[in-house]
Protein backbone atom coordinates (compact mmCIF):
# COMPACT_ATOMS: atom_id res chain seq x y z
CA MET A 1 -41.01 0.96 11.06
CA SER A 2 -37.77 -0.92 11.02
CA SER A 3 -34.97 1.96 11.79
CA LYS A 4 -34.00 4.85 13.48
CA ILE A 5 -32.19 8.00 11.81
CA ASP A 6 -29.00 7.75 13.39
CA TYR A 7 -28.03 11.92 12.89
CA VAL A 8 -25.81 14.25 14.50
CA ASP A 9 -27.12 18.22 15.07
CA LYS A 10 -29.47 18.44 11.75
CA VAL A 11 -31.01 16.19 9.18
CA TYR A 12 -32.00 18.45 5.94
CA LEU A 13 -35.30 17.56 4.47
CA TYR A 14 -35.10 18.40 0.54
CA SER A 15 -38.51 19.33 -0.78
CA SER A 16 -37.60 19.36 -4.02
CA GLY A 17 -40.54 21.03 -4.90
CA MET A 18 -43.28 18.96 -3.50
CA SER A 19 -46.26 20.23 -1.97
CA SER A 20 -46.17 21.83 1.81
CA GLU A 21 -48.91 18.96 2.78
CA LEU A 22 -46.15 16.32 1.74
CA VAL A 23 -43.54 18.44 3.61
CA GLU A 24 -45.69 18.60 6.39
CA ARG A 25 -46.53 14.93 5.98
CA SER A 26 -42.78 14.26 5.85
CA LYS A 27 -41.55 16.03 8.89
CA ARG A 28 -44.49 13.62 10.71
CA VAL A 29 -43.21 10.86 9.53
CA LEU A 30 -39.10 11.83 10.24
CA THR A 31 -40.72 12.03 13.86
CA GLU A 32 -41.67 8.36 13.60
CA TYR A 33 -37.86 7.50 13.03
CA GLY A 34 -36.19 9.00 15.79
CA VAL A 35 -35.85 12.86 14.49
CA ASN A 36 -36.44 15.70 16.75
CA HIS A 37 -38.62 18.44 14.51
CA LYS A 38 -36.73 20.94 15.88
CA ASP A 39 -33.57 19.40 13.98
CA ILE A 40 -34.85 19.41 10.84
CA ILE A 41 -33.90 22.17 8.27
CA ILE A 42 -36.59 22.38 4.86
CA ILE A 43 -34.08 22.74 1.48
CA GLU A 44 -35.15 23.95 -1.46
CA SER A 45 -31.61 22.55 -3.37
CA PRO A 46 -29.25 19.97 -2.44
CA GLU A 47 -27.02 22.96 -1.29
CA GLY A 48 -24.99 23.65 1.55
CA VAL A 49 -25.42 20.38 3.58
CA PRO A 50 -22.59 19.64 5.60
CA GLU A 51 -20.22 16.54 5.31
CA GLY A 52 -21.72 13.84 7.16
CA SER A 53 -25.62 15.11 7.21
CA ILE A 54 -28.26 13.35 6.54
CA ILE A 55 -29.81 14.75 3.69
CA ILE A 56 -33.53 13.34 2.84
CA THR A 57 -35.17 13.75 -0.45
CA ILE A 58 -38.96 13.99 -0.33
CA TRP A 59 -40.65 11.78 -3.51
CA PRO A 60 -44.30 11.45 -4.00
CA HIS A 61 -44.21 8.17 -2.21
CA TYR A 62 -41.32 7.70 -0.47
CA LEU A 63 -38.44 9.46 1.78
CA SER A 64 -34.95 8.35 0.41
CA VAL A 65 -32.56 8.57 3.04
CA ALA A 66 -28.62 9.64 2.32
CA LYS A 67 -25.38 10.36 4.06
CA VAL A 68 -23.13 12.94 2.90
CA LYS A 69 -19.71 11.69 1.88
CA LYS A 70 -18.55 14.78 -0.01
CA VAL A 71 -18.88 18.06 -0.74
CA ARG A 72 -17.20 19.50 -3.74
CA GLU A 73 -17.63 22.35 -6.09
CA GLY A 74 -21.70 22.91 -5.13
CA SER A 75 -22.26 19.40 -5.53
CA ILE A 76 -22.99 16.36 -3.20
CA TYR A 77 -22.00 13.02 -2.69
CA ALA A 78 -24.86 11.31 -0.83
CA PRO A 79 -24.94 7.36 -0.94
CA GLN A 80 -28.82 6.51 -0.09
CA LEU A 81 -29.16 4.35 2.94
CA PHE A 82 -32.80 3.44 2.96
CA ASN A 83 -36.02 4.29 1.69
CA ILE A 84 -39.30 5.14 3.96
CA ASP A 85 -42.42 4.37 2.60
CA MET A 86 -44.92 6.75 3.04
């Protein structure tokens, strides 16, 4: 592990249709990166995520960590910060 996730308030975990087992595994991995399990919010679509928040997208073999820079008309712009292999 090389990094801690620097966040304020909540971390949004975008499940993108992945299995519940993969979502649970992702939550465990995030705690290893300094995220409190109580701060993780599971979302099914990338909507309603506040600017400045951390959003993590679950992929089959890794997690993509990004920070929301701009929210406009239901869309978000969130440049990727780094990936976490699972």
